[in-house]
Protein backbone atom coordinates (compact mmCIF):
# COMPACT_ATOMS: atom_id res chain seq x y z
CA MET A 1 -4.87 -43.75 8.10
CA PRO A 2 -6.05 -40.21 9.00
CA LEU A 3 -9.31 -41.76 10.15
CA MET A 4 -7.64 -44.20 12.68
CA ASN A 5 -5.63 -41.24 14.06
CA HIS A 6 -8.89 -39.32 14.50
CA VAL A 7 -10.29 -42.49 16.28
CA THR A 8 -7.10 -42.69 18.37
CA GLU A 9 -7.33 -39.05 19.47
CA LEU A 10 -11.03 -39.44 20.18
CA GLU A 11 -10.24 -42.33 22.46
CA ARG A 12 -7.75 -40.34 24.30
CA LYS A 13 -10.38 -37.64 24.88
CA HIS A 14 -12.71 -40.41 26.03
CA GLN A 15 -10.05 -41.56 28.68
CA ALA A 16 -9.53 -37.92 29.80
CA LEU A 17 -13.13 -37.63 30.40
CA GLU A 18 -13.32 -40.82 32.37
CA ARG A 19 -10.67 -39.44 34.53
CA GLN A 20 -12.47 -36.09 34.91
CA ILE A 21 -15.67 -37.87 36.02
CA GLN A 22 -13.66 -40.13 38.58
CA ASP A 23 -12.09 -36.82 39.92
CA ALA A 24 -15.66 -35.37 40.03
CA LEU A 25 -17.02 -38.28 41.92
CA ASN A 26 -14.30 -37.94 44.49
CA HIS A 27 -14.97 -34.50 45.02
CA SER A 28 -18.31 -33.98 46.79
CA SER A 29 -18.35 -30.25 45.98
CA THR A 30 -19.12 -31.17 42.06
CA ASP A 31 -22.79 -30.41 41.34
CA ASP A 32 -24.93 -33.19 39.35
CA MET A 33 -25.29 -30.81 36.31
CA THR A 34 -21.43 -30.92 35.75
CA LEU A 35 -21.31 -34.60 36.22
CA ALA A 36 -24.13 -35.13 33.81
CA GLU A 37 -22.44 -32.86 31.28
CA LEU A 38 -19.21 -34.92 31.58
CA LYS A 39 -21.07 -38.30 31.20
CA ARG A 40 -22.91 -36.99 28.11
CA LYS A 41 -19.70 -35.95 26.49
CA LYS A 42 -18.11 -39.08 27.14
CA LEU A 43 -21.16 -41.06 25.71
CA GLN A 44 -20.98 -38.86 22.66
CA LEU A 45 -17.35 -39.62 22.08
CA LYS A 46 -18.09 -43.42 22.58
CA ASP A 47 -20.73 -43.35 20.16
CA GLU A 48 -18.51 -41.31 17.50
CA ILE A 49 -15.63 -43.82 18.01
CA ALA A 50 -18.05 -46.87 17.42
CA ARG A 51 -19.44 -45.41 14.30
CA LEU A 52 -16.05 -44.43 12.90
CA LYS A 53 -14.71 -47.83 13.65
CA GLU A 54 -17.71 -49.42 11.74
CA VAL A 55 -17.24 -47.13 8.76
CA SER A 56 -13.45 -48.09 8.82
CA ALA A 57 -13.81 -51.92 9.13
CA PRO A 58 -14.05 -53.96 6.06
CA ALA A 59 -17.57 -55.29 5.29
CA VAL A 60 -17.97 -58.97 6.19
CA HIS A 61 -20.24 -61.07 4.13
């Protein structure tokens, strides 16, 4: 189960980034570069989560 624990942790980080992005959008002082970096990190986490879930899922034939 260590893989699923890792996925769960990545999902928590993904949710935290979503909150950071929403906070940044609510503050007009946030620059576009910061917002873009947060979104890039969130997308990387999403891709990693999807990849790990695919690896851990049993093959369907």
